[in-house]
Amino acid sequence: MKKYNRELLSAAYIDHQINLIVLATREGIANCRILETGMKIGELSLPEDFNGVLLWSLIDNRPFLRCMHGYGLCLWKLKRFEEAEKVFERMLWLNPSDNQGVRFIIYHVKERKPWREYY
């Protein structure tokens, strides 16, 4: 039986989850469960109590960071502000260069402003 790299399988699965969300979004369906599953799979790939950095410049980190971003947005849309805030704060710790622009939206979440498409 062929052995597979756990991290690569996780990244591929998360990318697959993101593709499902893109398709669901085109149909007007927001599915937080798919993003949450992808995020949890990514977290399983990290060492326990990981407090390091996941740089966007390392391409294998992107599926997990994209999944986190989508999950945070989904929570925000559902007005689950505290959960969304935690996701976005974790993203800023993991990727301090914030290539996804979380720093521009986290304040809206902290102020409990409803999600709007143009943020």
Protein backbone atom coordinates (compact mmCIF):
# COMPACT_ATOMS: atom_id res chain seq x y z
CA MET A 1 0.00 0.00 0.00
CA LYS A 2 1.31 3.42 -0.94
CA LYS A 3 1.96 5.88 1.90
CA TYR A 4 0.67 9.43 1.53
CA ASN A 5 1.87 12.64 3.07
CA ARG A 6 -0.74 13.69 5.67
CA GLU A 7 -0.11 17.41 5.15
CA LEU A 8 -0.52 17.18 1.38
CA LEU A 9 -3.72 15.18 1.73
CA SER A 10 -5.05 17.75 4.20
CA ALA A 11 -4.22 20.63 1.87
CA ALA A 12 -5.83 18.85 -1.09
CA TYR A 13 -8.96 18.08 0.94
CA ILE A 14 -9.25 21.65 2.18
CA ASP A 15 -8.90 22.92 -1.40
CA HIS A 16 -11.66 20.51 -2.38
CA GLN A 17 -13.86 21.89 0.42
CA ILE A 18 -13.22 25.43 -0.78
CA ASN A 19 -14.20 24.45 -4.34
CA LEU A 20 -17.47 23.06 -2.99
CA ILE A 21 -18.13 26.35 -1.23
CA VAL A 22 -17.46 28.32 -4.42
CA LEU A 23 -20.03 26.17 -6.21
CA ALA A 24 -22.50 26.50 -3.32
CA THR A 25 -22.02 30.27 -3.22
CA ARG A 26 -22.79 30.53 -6.92
CA GLU A 27 -26.10 28.87 -6.15
CA GLY A 28 -26.74 31.35 -3.33
CA ILE A 29 -26.10 28.79 -0.59
CA ALA A 30 -23.74 29.60 2.28
CA ASN A 31 -22.53 26.41 3.90
CA CYS A 32 -20.48 27.05 7.02
CA ARG A 33 -20.25 23.35 7.78
CA ILE A 34 -18.07 22.65 4.75
CA LEU A 35 -15.70 25.48 5.68
CA GLU A 36 -15.67 24.43 9.32
CA THR A 37 -14.78 20.87 8.30
CA GLY A 38 -11.94 22.10 6.11
CA MET A 39 -10.69 24.33 8.90
CA LYS A 40 -10.75 21.49 11.44
CA ILE A 41 -8.85 19.23 9.05
CA GLY A 42 -6.23 21.93 8.65
CA GLU A 43 -5.96 22.31 12.43
CA LEU A 44 -5.36 18.56 12.75
CA SER A 45 -2.29 19.00 10.53
CA LEU A 46 -0.79 21.45 13.02
CA PRO A 47 1.08 20.37 16.14
CA GLU A 48 -0.96 20.54 19.35
CA ASP A 49 -0.91 24.05 20.90
CA PHE A 50 0.64 25.47 17.71
CA ASN A 51 1.45 29.15 18.16
CA GLY A 52 3.73 29.65 15.18
CA VAL A 53 3.20 31.47 11.91
CA LEU A 54 1.65 30.19 8.69
CA LEU A 55 2.98 32.52 6.03
CA TRP A 56 0.83 33.14 2.97
CA SER A 57 4.01 33.06 0.88
CA LEU A 58 4.21 29.29 1.53
CA ILE A 59 1.62 28.00 -0.91
CA ASP A 60 0.70 24.94 1.18
CA ASN A 61 -0.62 27.26 3.92
CA ARG A 62 -3.11 28.97 1.63
CA PRO A 63 -5.91 26.38 1.59
CA PHE A 64 -6.13 26.44 5.39
CA LEU A 65 -5.98 30.24 5.56
CA ARG A 66 -8.63 30.56 2.82
CA CYS A 67 -10.85 28.13 4.67
CA MET A 68 -10.45 30.09 7.90
CA HIS A 69 -11.28 33.32 6.09
CA GLY A 70 -14.39 31.86 4.50
CA TYR A 71 -15.52 30.37 7.80
CA GLY A 72 -15.05 33.70 9.58
CA LEU A 73 -17.08 35.47 6.89
CA CYS A 74 -19.78 32.84 7.12
CA LEU A 75 -20.01 33.23 10.91
CA TRP A 76 -20.20 36.99 10.45
CA LYS A 77 -23.04 36.64 7.93
CA LEU A 78 -24.90 34.53 10.50
CA LYS A 79 -24.31 37.24 13.14
CA ARG A 80 -22.19 34.88 15.22
CA PHE A 81 -19.90 37.79 16.00
CA GLU A 82 -17.89 36.32 18.88
CA GLU A 83 -17.02 33.19 16.92
CA ALA A 84 -16.14 35.21 13.81
CA GLU A 85 -13.94 37.51 15.88
CA LYS A 86 -12.02 34.54 17.30
CA VAL A 87 -11.42 33.12 13.82
CA PHE A 88 -10.21 36.46 12.47
CA GLU A 89 -7.96 37.11 15.49
CA ARG A 90 -6.41 33.67 15.08
CA MET A 91 -5.81 34.41 11.40
CA LEU A 92 -3.96 37.60 12.28
CA TRP A 93 -1.71 35.68 14.69
CA LEU A 94 -1.07 32.90 12.19
CA ASN A 95 -0.43 35.22 9.24
CA PRO A 96 0.68 38.61 10.59
CA SER A 97 1.26 39.99 7.09
CA ASP A 98 -2.53 39.55 6.62
CA ASN A 99 -2.55 38.94 2.89
CA GLN A 100 -6.32 38.38 3.05
CA GLY A 101 -7.19 41.76 4.54
CA VAL A 102 -8.74 40.57 7.80
CA ARG A 103 -7.45 43.71 9.50
CA PHE A 104 -9.92 45.71 7.43
CA ILE A 105 -13.00 43.76 8.50
CA ILE A 106 -12.33 42.62 12.05
CA TYR A 107 -13.36 46.00 13.43
CA HIS A 108 -16.80 45.69 11.85
CA VAL A 109 -17.16 42.30 13.54
CA LYS A 110 -15.96 43.66 16.90
CA GLU A 111 -18.49 46.49 16.63
CA ARG A 112 -21.21 43.91 15.82
CA LYS A 113 -22.02 45.52 12.49
CA PRO A 114 -23.99 43.27 10.16
CA TRP A 115 -22.14 41.75 7.21
CA ARG A 116 -22.49 43.57 3.91
CA GLU A 117 -21.18 42.40 0.59
CA TYR A 118 -19.07 45.47 -0.06
CA TYR A 119 -16.82 45.09 3.03
